[in-house]
Amino acid sequence: MTINEALRLIAGTMILLSLFLALNYSQHWLWLTAFIAVNLMQSSFTKWCLMMTILKKLGLKSRS
């Protein structure tokens, strides 16, 4: 698995988790969804993402 694939998997999982929590517990969990969206937009402009840095340190490769 590459860094990009792992990043997409983590972002998608976190969005689904926050939507589940918002529907079942509190709508305040939608702030997590908004945070993820803002982080994805920010990383598209700055070309930097904290999760990608973490995944690199865990040993995932950029491309296969």
C-alpha atoms as a PDB file:
ATOM      1  CA  MET A   1       0.000   0.000   0.000  1.00  0.00           C
ATOM      2  CA  THR A   2       1.320   3.436  -0.918  1.00  0.00           C
ATOM      3  CA  ILE A   3       1.081   6.635   1.112  1.00  0.00           C
ATOM      4  CA  ASN A   4      -1.652   8.037  -1.168  1.00  0.00           C
ATOM      5  CA  GLU A   5      -3.764   4.898  -0.865  1.00  0.00           C
ATOM      6  CA  ALA A   6      -3.358   4.826   2.918  1.00  0.00           C
ATOM      7  CA  LEU A   7      -4.208   8.527   3.169  1.00  0.00           C
ATOM      8  CA  ARG A   8      -7.422   8.041   1.190  1.00  0.00           C
ATOM      9  CA  LEU A   9      -8.335   5.009   3.297  1.00  0.00           C
ATOM     10  CA  ILE A  10      -7.786   6.899   6.557  1.00  0.00           C
ATOM     11  CA  ALA A  11      -9.687  10.011   5.391  1.00  0.00           C
ATOM     12  CA  GLY A  12     -12.629   7.965   4.125  1.00  0.00           C
ATOM     13  CA  THR A  13     -12.761   5.901   7.293  1.00  0.00           C
ATOM     14  CA  MET A  14     -12.654   8.989   9.507  1.00  0.00           C
ATOM     15  CA  ILE A  15     -15.441  10.672   7.523  1.00  0.00           C
ATOM     16  CA  LEU A  16     -17.673   7.597   7.750  1.00  0.00           C
ATOM     17  CA  LEU A  17     -16.894   7.263  11.471  1.00  0.00           C
ATOM     18  CA  SER A  18     -17.755  10.899  12.165  1.00  0.00           C
ATOM     19  CA  LEU A  19     -21.012  10.599  10.202  1.00  0.00           C
ATOM     20  CA  PHE A  20     -21.923   7.460  12.148  1.00  0.00           C
ATOM     21  CA  LEU A  21     -21.183   9.210  15.446  1.00  0.00           C
ATOM     22  CA  ALA A  22     -23.165  12.290  14.371  1.00  0.00           C
ATOM     23  CA  LEU A  23     -26.211  10.199  13.484  1.00  0.00           C
ATOM     24  CA  ASN A  24     -26.109   8.073  16.616  1.00  0.00           C
ATOM     25  CA  TYR A  25     -24.716  10.306  19.357  1.00  0.00           C
ATOM     26  CA  SER A  26     -24.294  14.013  18.732  1.00  0.00           C
ATOM     27  CA  GLN A  27     -24.307  16.285  15.712  1.00  0.00           C
ATOM     28  CA  HIS A  28     -21.194  17.938  17.124  1.00  0.00           C
ATOM     29  CA  TRP A  29     -19.255  15.061  15.528  1.00  0.00           C
ATOM     30  CA  LEU A  30     -19.862  16.794  12.184  1.00  0.00           C
ATOM     31  CA  TRP A  31     -17.100  19.192  13.210  1.00  0.00           C
ATOM     32  CA  LEU A  32     -14.697  16.288  12.715  1.00  0.00           C
ATOM     33  CA  THR A  33     -16.010  15.867   9.166  1.00  0.00           C
ATOM     34  CA  ALA A  34     -15.506  19.584   8.546  1.00  0.00           C
ATOM     35  CA  PHE A  35     -11.972  19.424   9.975  1.00  0.00           C
ATOM     36  CA  ILE A  36     -11.075  16.558   7.650  1.00  0.00           C
ATOM     37  CA  ALA A  37     -12.448  18.466   4.649  1.00  0.00           C
ATOM     38  CA  VAL A  38     -10.528  21.635   5.555  1.00  0.00           C
ATOM     39  CA  ASN A  39      -7.341  19.618   6.083  1.00  0.00           C
ATOM     40  CA  LEU A  40      -7.719  17.983   2.652  1.00  0.00           C
ATOM     41  CA  MET A  41      -8.253  21.379   1.019  1.00  0.00           C
ATOM     42  CA  GLN A  42      -5.280  22.877   2.873  1.00  0.00           C
ATOM     43  CA  SER A  43      -3.013  20.040   1.797  1.00  0.00           C
ATOM     44  CA  SER A  44      -3.997  20.540  -1.844  1.00  0.00           C
ATOM     45  CA  PHE A  45      -2.726  24.133  -1.692  1.00  0.00           C
ATOM     46  CA  THR A  46       0.368  23.681   0.485  1.00  0.00           C
ATOM     47  CA  LYS A  47       1.357  20.179  -0.710  1.00  0.00           C
ATOM     48  CA  TRP A  48       1.891  19.205   2.956  1.00  0.00           C
ATOM     49  CA  CYS A  49      -0.168  16.910   5.144  1.00  0.00           C
ATOM     50  CA  LEU A  50       0.685  15.771   8.670  1.00  0.00           C
ATOM     51  CA  MET A  51      -0.766  12.301   8.077  1.00  0.00           C
ATOM     52  CA  MET A  52       1.495  11.831   5.034  1.00  0.00           C
ATOM     53  CA  THR A  53       4.509  12.718   7.186  1.00  0.00           C
ATOM     54  CA  ILE A  54       3.406  10.157   9.777  1.00  0.00           C
ATOM     55  CA  LEU A  55       2.861   7.483   7.123  1.00  0.00           C
ATOM     56  CA  LYS A  56       6.340   8.142   5.669  1.00  0.00           C
ATOM     57  CA  LYS A  57       7.870   7.691   9.119  1.00  0.00           C
ATOM     58  CA  LEU A  58       5.953   4.409   9.443  1.00  0.00           C
ATOM     59  CA  GLY A  59       7.733   3.209   6.300  1.00  0.00           C
ATOM     60  CA  LEU A  60       5.102   3.476   3.575  1.00  0.00           C
ATOM     61  CA  LYS A  61       6.445   4.268   0.115  1.00  0.00           C
ATOM     62  CA  SER A  62       5.361   7.123  -2.136  1.00  0.00           C
ATOM     63  CA  ARG A  63       5.026   5.021  -5.289  1.00  0.00           C
ATOM     64  CA  SER A  64       5.409   1.336  -6.019  1.00  0.00           C
END
